[in-house]
N, C-alpha and C. Protein backbone atom coordinates (compact mmCIF):
# COMPACT_ATOMS: atom_id res chain seq x y z
N MET A 1 101.17 106.74 90.21
CA MET A 1 101.61 105.71 91.13
C MET A 1 102.90 106.13 91.83
N LYS A 2 103.85 106.65 91.05
CA LYS A 2 105.13 107.09 91.59
C LYS A 2 104.91 108.16 92.67
N TYR A 3 104.01 109.12 92.39
CA TYR A 3 103.76 110.20 93.35
C TYR A 3 102.99 109.71 94.56
N THR A 4 102.15 108.71 94.39
CA THR A 4 101.42 108.13 95.51
C THR A 4 102.38 107.48 96.49
N LEU A 5 103.36 106.74 95.96
CA LEU A 5 104.35 106.10 96.83
C LEU A 5 105.20 107.13 97.54
N LEU A 6 105.59 108.19 96.83
CA LEU A 6 106.39 109.25 97.44
C LEU A 6 105.60 109.94 98.54
N ALA A 7 104.33 110.24 98.28
CA ALA A 7 103.48 110.88 99.29
C ALA A 7 103.34 109.99 100.52
N ALA A 8 103.17 108.69 100.32
CA ALA A 8 103.04 107.76 101.45
C ALA A 8 104.32 107.74 102.28
N LEU A 9 105.48 107.73 101.61
CA LEU A 9 106.75 107.74 102.32
C LEU A 9 106.90 109.02 103.12
N LEU A 10 106.60 110.17 102.51
CA LEU A 10 106.75 111.44 103.21
C LEU A 10 105.82 111.53 104.41
N LEU A 11 104.60 111.04 104.28
CA LEU A 11 103.69 111.03 105.42
C LEU A 11 104.19 110.13 106.53
N SER A 12 104.77 109.00 106.17
CA SER A 12 105.27 108.08 107.19
C SER A 12 106.46 108.67 107.93
N LEU A 13 107.19 109.59 107.29
CA LEU A 13 108.35 110.19 107.94
C LEU A 13 107.96 111.27 108.94
N SER A 14 106.78 111.83 108.83
CA SER A 14 106.42 112.97 109.65
C SER A 14 105.94 112.59 111.06
N ALA A 15 105.63 111.37 111.30
CA ALA A 15 105.11 110.97 112.61
C ALA A 15 106.01 109.93 113.25
N PRO A 16 106.04 109.90 114.60
CA PRO A 16 106.81 108.86 115.26
C PRO A 16 106.27 107.48 114.92
N GLN A 17 107.17 106.56 114.72
CA GLN A 17 106.80 105.17 114.46
C GLN A 17 107.15 104.39 115.72
N SER A 18 106.17 104.07 116.54
CA SER A 18 106.44 103.49 117.84
C SER A 18 106.85 102.02 117.78
N ARG A 19 106.21 101.23 116.94
CA ARG A 19 106.52 99.80 116.88
C ARG A 19 107.55 99.55 115.79
N ALA A 20 108.61 98.85 116.15
CA ALA A 20 109.71 98.62 115.23
C ALA A 20 109.26 97.92 113.95
N ASP A 21 108.30 97.01 114.05
CA ASP A 21 107.86 96.29 112.86
C ASP A 21 107.03 97.15 111.91
N GLU A 22 106.59 98.32 112.37
CA GLU A 22 105.80 99.23 111.53
C GLU A 22 106.65 100.33 110.90
N ARG A 23 107.89 100.43 111.29
CA ARG A 23 108.75 101.52 110.81
C ARG A 23 109.22 101.27 109.38
N PRO A 24 109.26 102.34 108.57
CA PRO A 24 109.78 102.19 107.20
C PRO A 24 111.30 102.10 107.19
N LEU A 25 111.84 101.37 106.24
CA LEU A 25 113.29 101.31 106.08
C LEU A 25 113.82 102.68 105.67
N ALA A 26 114.96 103.04 106.20
CA ALA A 26 115.59 104.30 105.81
C ALA A 26 116.19 104.13 104.42
N PRO A 27 116.12 105.17 103.61
CA PRO A 27 116.77 105.09 102.29
C PRO A 27 118.28 105.11 102.44
N GLU A 28 118.97 104.78 101.38
CA GLU A 28 120.44 104.85 101.41
C GLU A 28 120.85 106.32 101.56
N ILE A 29 121.69 106.56 102.56
CA ILE A 29 122.16 107.92 102.83
C ILE A 29 123.68 107.86 102.89
N LYS A 30 124.30 108.48 101.92
CA LYS A 30 125.76 108.57 101.94
C LYS A 30 126.19 109.80 101.17
N GLY A 31 127.38 110.29 101.53
CA GLY A 31 127.90 111.48 100.87
C GLY A 31 129.30 111.77 101.35
N LYS A 32 129.87 112.81 100.79
CA LYS A 32 131.24 113.21 101.11
C LYS A 32 131.26 114.12 102.33
N SER A 33 132.31 113.94 103.13
CA SER A 33 132.51 114.77 104.32
C SER A 33 133.28 116.03 103.95
N THR A 34 133.51 116.86 104.94
CA THR A 34 134.31 118.07 104.73
C THR A 34 135.76 117.72 104.40
N GLN A 35 136.18 116.49 104.72
CA GLN A 35 137.53 116.01 104.38
C GLN A 35 137.51 115.17 103.11
N ASP A 36 136.40 115.22 102.38
CA ASP A 36 136.22 114.50 101.12
C ASP A 36 136.25 112.97 101.30
N GLU A 37 135.85 112.51 102.48
CA GLU A 37 135.74 111.06 102.74
C GLU A 37 134.29 110.64 102.58
N LEU A 38 134.08 109.42 102.10
CA LEU A 38 132.72 108.91 101.94
C LEU A 38 132.18 108.46 103.29
N ILE A 39 131.00 108.96 103.65
CA ILE A 39 130.31 108.56 104.87
C ILE A 39 129.02 107.87 104.44
N ASN A 40 128.80 106.65 104.95
CA ASN A 40 127.61 105.89 104.62
C ASN A 40 126.88 105.58 105.93
N VAL A 41 125.66 106.05 106.05
CA VAL A 41 124.89 105.86 107.29
C VAL A 41 124.71 104.37 107.59
N ALA A 42 124.62 103.55 106.55
CA ALA A 42 124.45 102.10 106.75
C ALA A 42 125.61 101.48 107.53
N ASP A 43 126.77 102.12 107.51
CA ASP A 43 127.92 101.62 108.27
C ASP A 43 127.68 101.67 109.77
N TYR A 44 126.67 102.41 110.21
CA TYR A 44 126.37 102.56 111.63
C TYR A 44 125.18 101.70 112.07
N LYS A 45 124.74 100.80 111.20
CA LYS A 45 123.65 99.89 111.57
C LYS A 45 124.07 99.13 112.82
N GLY A 46 123.15 98.96 113.74
CA GLY A 46 123.48 98.36 115.03
C GLY A 46 123.52 99.40 116.14
N LYS A 47 123.55 100.68 115.74
CA LYS A 47 123.46 101.80 116.68
C LYS A 47 122.21 102.60 116.33
N THR A 48 121.66 103.28 117.30
CA THR A 48 120.62 104.26 117.02
C THR A 48 121.33 105.46 116.40
N THR A 49 120.90 105.88 115.23
CA THR A 49 121.60 106.94 114.49
C THR A 49 120.72 108.17 114.36
N ILE A 50 121.26 109.29 114.78
CA ILE A 50 120.57 110.57 114.70
C ILE A 50 121.12 111.31 113.47
N ILE A 51 120.24 111.62 112.54
CA ILE A 51 120.62 112.40 111.36
C ILE A 51 120.12 113.82 111.60
N LEU A 52 121.04 114.77 111.64
CA LEU A 52 120.70 116.16 111.89
C LEU A 52 121.00 117.01 110.66
N PHE A 53 119.98 117.54 110.03
CA PHE A 53 120.17 118.47 108.93
C PHE A 53 120.39 119.85 109.53
N TRP A 54 121.45 120.53 109.08
CA TRP A 54 121.79 121.83 109.65
C TRP A 54 122.42 122.72 108.59
N ALA A 55 122.52 124.00 108.90
CA ALA A 55 123.19 124.98 108.04
C ALA A 55 123.85 126.03 108.92
N THR A 56 124.87 126.66 108.40
CA THR A 56 125.60 127.66 109.20
C THR A 56 124.75 128.86 109.54
N TRP A 57 123.76 129.18 108.73
CA TRP A 57 122.89 130.33 108.95
C TRP A 57 121.71 130.02 109.88
N CYS A 58 121.61 128.77 110.35
CA CYS A 58 120.45 128.31 111.12
C CYS A 58 120.75 128.37 112.62
N ALA A 59 120.20 129.37 113.31
CA ALA A 59 120.42 129.52 114.75
C ALA A 59 119.90 128.33 115.57
N PRO A 60 118.68 127.82 115.30
CA PRO A 60 118.21 126.66 116.07
C PRO A 60 119.11 125.43 115.87
N CYS A 61 119.72 125.29 114.70
CA CYS A 61 120.62 124.16 114.45
C CYS A 61 121.80 124.19 115.42
N LYS A 62 122.33 125.38 115.63
CA LYS A 62 123.49 125.52 116.50
C LYS A 62 123.15 125.25 117.96
N LYS A 63 121.86 125.28 118.29
CA LYS A 63 121.42 124.91 119.64
C LYS A 63 121.12 123.42 119.71
N ALA A 64 120.56 122.88 118.64
CA ALA A 64 120.16 121.47 118.62
C ALA A 64 121.36 120.54 118.68
N ILE A 65 122.38 120.82 117.89
CA ILE A 65 123.52 119.89 117.81
C ILE A 65 124.17 119.67 119.17
N PRO A 66 124.50 120.72 119.94
CA PRO A 66 125.08 120.46 121.28
C PRO A 66 124.15 119.67 122.20
N GLU A 67 122.84 119.89 122.08
CA GLU A 67 121.89 119.14 122.91
C GLU A 67 121.93 117.65 122.56
N PHE A 68 121.99 117.34 121.27
CA PHE A 68 122.07 115.94 120.87
C PHE A 68 123.42 115.32 121.26
N ILE A 69 124.47 116.12 121.24
CA ILE A 69 125.78 115.62 121.70
C ILE A 69 125.70 115.25 123.18
N LYS A 70 125.04 116.09 123.99
CA LYS A 70 124.88 115.79 125.42
C LYS A 70 124.12 114.48 125.61
N ILE A 71 123.04 114.32 124.85
CA ILE A 71 122.25 113.09 124.95
C ILE A 71 123.10 111.88 124.57
N GLN A 72 123.89 112.02 123.51
CA GLN A 72 124.78 110.93 123.08
C GLN A 72 125.77 110.58 124.19
N GLU A 73 126.34 111.59 124.82
CA GLU A 73 127.30 111.35 125.91
C GLU A 73 126.63 110.65 127.09
N GLU A 74 125.38 111.03 127.41
CA GLU A 74 124.66 110.41 128.53
C GLU A 74 124.34 108.94 128.25
N ILE A 75 123.89 108.65 127.04
CA ILE A 75 123.48 107.28 126.70
C ILE A 75 124.69 106.42 126.35
N GLY A 76 125.65 107.02 125.67
CA GLY A 76 126.86 106.31 125.29
C GLY A 76 127.11 106.33 123.79
N GLU A 77 128.33 106.67 123.43
CA GLU A 77 128.69 106.71 122.01
C GLU A 77 128.67 105.33 121.38
N ASP A 78 128.70 104.29 122.20
CA ASP A 78 128.62 102.93 121.66
C ASP A 78 127.18 102.57 121.28
N LYS A 79 126.21 103.37 121.73
CA LYS A 79 124.80 103.09 121.45
C LYS A 79 124.16 104.11 120.50
N ILE A 80 124.66 105.33 120.52
CA ILE A 80 124.08 106.43 119.73
C ILE A 80 125.16 107.00 118.81
N GLN A 81 124.81 107.19 117.54
CA GLN A 81 125.70 107.83 116.57
C GLN A 81 125.00 109.07 116.03
N ILE A 82 125.70 110.18 115.98
CA ILE A 82 125.18 111.39 115.36
C ILE A 82 125.88 111.58 114.02
N ILE A 83 125.09 111.86 113.00
CA ILE A 83 125.64 112.23 111.70
C ILE A 83 124.94 113.53 111.30
N ALA A 84 125.72 114.57 111.09
CA ALA A 84 125.16 115.86 110.70
C ALA A 84 125.24 115.99 109.19
N ILE A 85 124.19 116.50 108.61
CA ILE A 85 124.16 116.72 107.15
C ILE A 85 124.02 118.21 106.92
N ASN A 86 125.06 118.80 106.36
CA ASN A 86 125.08 120.23 106.13
C ASN A 86 124.36 120.58 104.83
N MET A 87 123.50 121.59 104.90
CA MET A 87 122.67 122.00 103.77
C MET A 87 123.09 123.33 103.16
N ASP A 88 124.26 123.85 103.53
CA ASP A 88 124.68 125.14 102.99
C ASP A 88 124.86 125.07 101.48
N ASP A 89 124.55 126.17 100.82
CA ASP A 89 124.73 126.24 99.37
C ASP A 89 126.07 126.90 99.06
N ALA A 90 126.34 127.15 97.81
CA ALA A 90 127.63 127.71 97.38
C ALA A 90 127.92 129.06 98.04
N GLN A 91 126.89 129.85 98.32
CA GLN A 91 127.09 131.17 98.92
C GLN A 91 127.60 131.11 100.36
N THR A 92 127.21 130.09 101.11
CA THR A 92 127.60 130.02 102.52
C THR A 92 128.51 128.83 102.84
N ARG A 93 128.84 128.04 101.84
CA ARG A 93 129.66 126.83 102.02
C ARG A 93 130.99 127.13 102.71
N SER A 94 131.57 128.28 102.45
CA SER A 94 132.89 128.61 103.01
C SER A 94 132.87 128.68 104.54
N ARG A 95 131.71 128.83 105.15
CA ARG A 95 131.60 128.95 106.61
C ARG A 95 131.53 127.59 107.33
N VAL A 96 131.34 126.52 106.59
CA VAL A 96 131.07 125.21 107.20
C VAL A 96 132.24 124.73 108.07
N LYS A 97 133.44 124.67 107.50
CA LYS A 97 134.59 124.14 108.25
C LYS A 97 134.89 124.98 109.49
N SER A 98 134.79 126.31 109.37
CA SER A 98 135.09 127.15 110.53
C SER A 98 134.02 126.98 111.61
N THR A 99 132.77 126.76 111.22
CA THR A 99 131.70 126.51 112.21
C THR A 99 131.95 125.21 112.95
N ILE A 100 132.34 124.18 112.22
CA ILE A 100 132.64 122.87 112.83
C ILE A 100 133.81 123.01 113.80
N LYS A 101 134.85 123.68 113.35
CA LYS A 101 136.05 123.84 114.19
C LYS A 101 135.76 124.68 115.44
N ARG A 102 135.06 125.79 115.27
CA ARG A 102 134.74 126.68 116.39
C ARG A 102 133.89 125.96 117.45
N ASN A 103 132.98 125.11 117.02
CA ASN A 103 132.11 124.39 117.95
C ASN A 103 132.69 123.06 118.42
N LYS A 104 133.83 122.68 117.87
CA LYS A 104 134.53 121.44 118.24
C LYS A 104 133.66 120.21 118.04
N TRP A 105 132.89 120.21 116.92
CA TRP A 105 132.05 119.07 116.59
C TRP A 105 132.90 117.96 116.01
N LYS A 106 132.76 116.76 116.55
CA LYS A 106 133.57 115.61 116.14
C LYS A 106 132.79 114.58 115.33
N MET A 107 131.47 114.73 115.25
CA MET A 107 130.67 113.73 114.55
C MET A 107 130.91 113.80 113.04
N PRO A 108 130.62 112.69 112.35
CA PRO A 108 130.72 112.73 110.89
C PRO A 108 129.76 113.78 110.33
N ILE A 109 130.24 114.54 109.36
CA ILE A 109 129.40 115.57 108.74
C ILE A 109 129.44 115.37 107.23
N ILE A 110 128.26 115.19 106.66
CA ILE A 110 128.11 115.01 105.22
C ILE A 110 127.70 116.35 104.61
N LEU A 111 128.29 116.69 103.48
CA LEU A 111 127.92 117.89 102.75
C LEU A 111 126.86 117.52 101.71
N ASP A 112 125.71 118.13 101.81
CA ASP A 112 124.62 117.88 100.86
C ASP A 112 124.44 119.12 99.99
N THR A 113 125.44 119.41 99.20
CA THR A 113 125.48 120.65 98.42
C THR A 113 124.35 120.77 97.41
N ASP A 114 123.90 119.66 96.87
CA ASP A 114 122.85 119.73 95.84
C ASP A 114 121.48 119.30 96.35
N GLY A 115 121.37 119.00 97.64
CA GLY A 115 120.08 118.65 98.22
C GLY A 115 119.62 117.22 97.93
N THR A 116 120.51 116.39 97.40
CA THR A 116 120.15 115.01 97.06
C THR A 116 119.69 114.21 98.28
N ILE A 117 120.42 114.34 99.38
CA ILE A 117 120.07 113.59 100.58
C ILE A 117 118.78 114.14 101.19
N ALA A 118 118.67 115.46 101.24
CA ALA A 118 117.46 116.08 101.80
C ALA A 118 116.22 115.61 101.04
N LYS A 119 116.32 115.47 99.74
CA LYS A 119 115.16 115.03 98.94
C LYS A 119 114.73 113.61 99.34
N LYS A 120 115.67 112.80 99.80
CA LYS A 120 115.36 111.41 100.17
C LYS A 120 114.69 111.29 101.53
N ILE A 121 115.08 112.14 102.48
CA ILE A 121 114.67 111.87 103.86
C ILE A 121 114.22 113.11 104.65
N ASN A 122 114.42 114.30 104.13
CA ASN A 122 114.01 115.54 104.79
C ASN A 122 112.82 116.09 104.01
N SER A 123 111.62 115.64 104.37
CA SER A 123 110.42 115.91 103.58
C SER A 123 110.11 117.39 103.41
N THR A 124 110.60 118.25 104.29
CA THR A 124 110.33 119.67 104.18
C THR A 124 111.53 120.46 103.68
N ASN A 125 112.64 119.77 103.45
CA ASN A 125 113.89 120.41 103.01
C ASN A 125 114.24 121.57 103.94
N SER A 126 114.12 121.34 105.24
CA SER A 126 114.34 122.40 106.21
C SER A 126 115.47 122.06 107.17
N ALA A 127 115.92 123.10 107.85
CA ALA A 127 116.93 122.94 108.89
C ALA A 127 116.47 123.78 110.08
N PRO A 128 116.56 123.25 111.29
CA PRO A 128 116.98 121.89 111.58
C PRO A 128 115.87 120.88 111.26
N TYR A 129 116.31 119.71 110.93
CA TYR A 129 115.41 118.60 110.69
C TYR A 129 116.12 117.37 111.22
N THR A 130 115.43 116.60 112.04
CA THR A 130 116.03 115.45 112.70
C THR A 130 115.34 114.18 112.28
N VAL A 131 116.14 113.18 111.93
CA VAL A 131 115.64 111.85 111.61
C VAL A 131 116.41 110.88 112.48
N VAL A 132 115.68 109.98 113.14
CA VAL A 132 116.33 108.96 113.96
C VAL A 132 116.10 107.61 113.32
N ILE A 133 117.20 106.91 113.10
CA ILE A 133 117.16 105.57 112.50
C ILE A 133 117.50 104.57 113.58
N ASP A 134 116.65 103.55 113.74
CA ASP A 134 116.89 102.56 114.78
C ASP A 134 118.02 101.60 114.39
N LYS A 135 118.34 100.69 115.28
CA LYS A 135 119.45 99.75 115.07
C LYS A 135 119.26 98.85 113.86
N GLN A 136 118.00 98.69 113.44
CA GLN A 136 117.68 97.81 112.30
C GLN A 136 117.69 98.57 110.97
N GLY A 137 117.99 99.87 111.00
CA GLY A 137 118.01 100.66 109.78
C GLY A 137 116.65 101.20 109.37
N LYS A 138 115.74 101.30 110.34
CA LYS A 138 114.40 101.80 110.06
C LYS A 138 114.20 103.17 110.70
N ILE A 139 113.36 103.99 110.08
CA ILE A 139 113.10 105.34 110.57
C ILE A 139 112.15 105.26 111.77
N ALA A 140 112.66 105.67 112.92
CA ALA A 140 111.86 105.65 114.14
C ALA A 140 111.16 106.98 114.38
N TYR A 141 111.84 108.09 114.09
CA TYR A 141 111.29 109.42 114.30
C TYR A 141 111.83 110.36 113.25
N SER A 142 111.04 111.39 112.95
CA SER A 142 111.52 112.51 112.16
C SER A 142 110.76 113.75 112.63
N GLU A 143 111.46 114.87 112.64
CA GLU A 143 110.82 116.08 113.17
C GLU A 143 111.51 117.32 112.61
N GLU A 144 110.69 118.27 112.23
CA GLU A 144 111.19 119.56 111.76
C GLU A 144 111.32 120.50 112.94
N GLY A 145 112.36 121.32 112.91
CA GLY A 145 112.53 122.35 113.92
C GLY A 145 113.18 121.83 115.19
N TYR A 146 113.46 122.76 116.09
CA TYR A 146 114.05 122.39 117.38
C TYR A 146 113.86 123.55 118.36
N THR A 147 113.49 123.20 119.59
CA THR A 147 113.50 124.16 120.70
C THR A 147 114.13 123.45 121.89
N SER A 148 114.65 124.22 122.82
CA SER A 148 115.29 123.58 123.99
C SER A 148 114.31 122.76 124.80
N ASP A 149 113.03 123.06 124.68
CA ASP A 149 112.01 122.27 125.37
C ASP A 149 111.97 120.84 124.85
N ASN A 150 112.45 120.63 123.63
CA ASN A 150 112.43 119.29 123.03
C ASN A 150 113.52 118.37 123.56
N ALA A 151 114.53 118.90 124.20
CA ALA A 151 115.69 118.10 124.62
C ALA A 151 115.28 116.91 125.49
N GLU A 152 114.42 117.13 126.45
CA GLU A 152 114.00 116.03 127.34
C GLU A 152 113.23 114.96 126.57
N LYS A 153 112.36 115.40 125.67
CA LYS A 153 111.58 114.46 124.86
C LYS A 153 112.52 113.61 124.00
N TRP A 154 113.50 114.26 123.38
CA TRP A 154 114.45 113.51 122.54
C TRP A 154 115.28 112.55 123.40
N ALA A 155 115.68 112.98 124.58
CA ALA A 155 116.46 112.10 125.46
C ALA A 155 115.67 110.85 125.82
N GLU A 156 114.40 111.01 126.14
CA GLU A 156 113.55 109.86 126.47
C GLU A 156 113.41 108.92 125.28
N ARG A 157 113.12 109.49 124.11
CA ARG A 157 112.97 108.68 122.90
C ARG A 157 114.24 107.88 122.60
N LEU A 158 115.37 108.57 122.69
CA LEU A 158 116.64 107.93 122.33
C LEU A 158 117.07 106.89 123.35
N LYS A 159 116.80 107.11 124.63
CA LYS A 159 117.09 106.11 125.65
C LYS A 159 116.29 104.85 125.38
N LYS A 160 115.03 105.03 125.07
CA LYS A 160 114.16 103.88 124.77
C LYS A 160 114.66 103.13 123.54
N LEU A 161 114.96 103.87 122.48
CA LEU A 161 115.43 103.22 121.24
C LEU A 161 116.75 102.49 121.45
N SER A 162 117.62 103.06 122.27
CA SER A 162 118.94 102.43 122.46
C SER A 162 118.85 101.09 123.19
N THR A 163 117.72 100.83 123.83
CA THR A 163 117.56 99.55 124.53
C THR A 163 116.86 98.49 123.67
N GLU A 164 116.33 98.92 122.51
CA GLU A 164 115.67 97.94 121.63
C GLU A 164 116.71 97.03 120.99
N PRO A 165 116.28 95.82 120.63
CA PRO A 165 117.23 94.90 119.95
C PRO A 165 117.60 95.40 118.56
């Protein structure tokens, strides 16, 4: 029974959920930042929230994050929140702060050193992996990978979500 429920949740995360009433609730997502501050995704309820799983060794991640920042700037920071979840392990953890500083990323960044958050919401435990949570705290979209061709599709999805109640 436990595995059946987990399988159902993972399947529901892999496809876009178009109708708000059909979307699954997002699990609790919180963790420590690079400054050792607690970040709780639930604090951003009321905004469309983009959760971006990334790692310093992931080239597509470094392309995806700036694209999502552009989309956020176009739609408005009052409507869209980006939260990046870093998946680096102990071997590459030392590169995280310098990567953030070099790229001038200002969004909240959670360190998922043990993979606890990824196990909850990143069904493939991959980077990049994007999850979009609507204003009601429900999962609207999730997608593995990123290409620049996806930027327009994501912009359209996020514009639409930002206008929902």
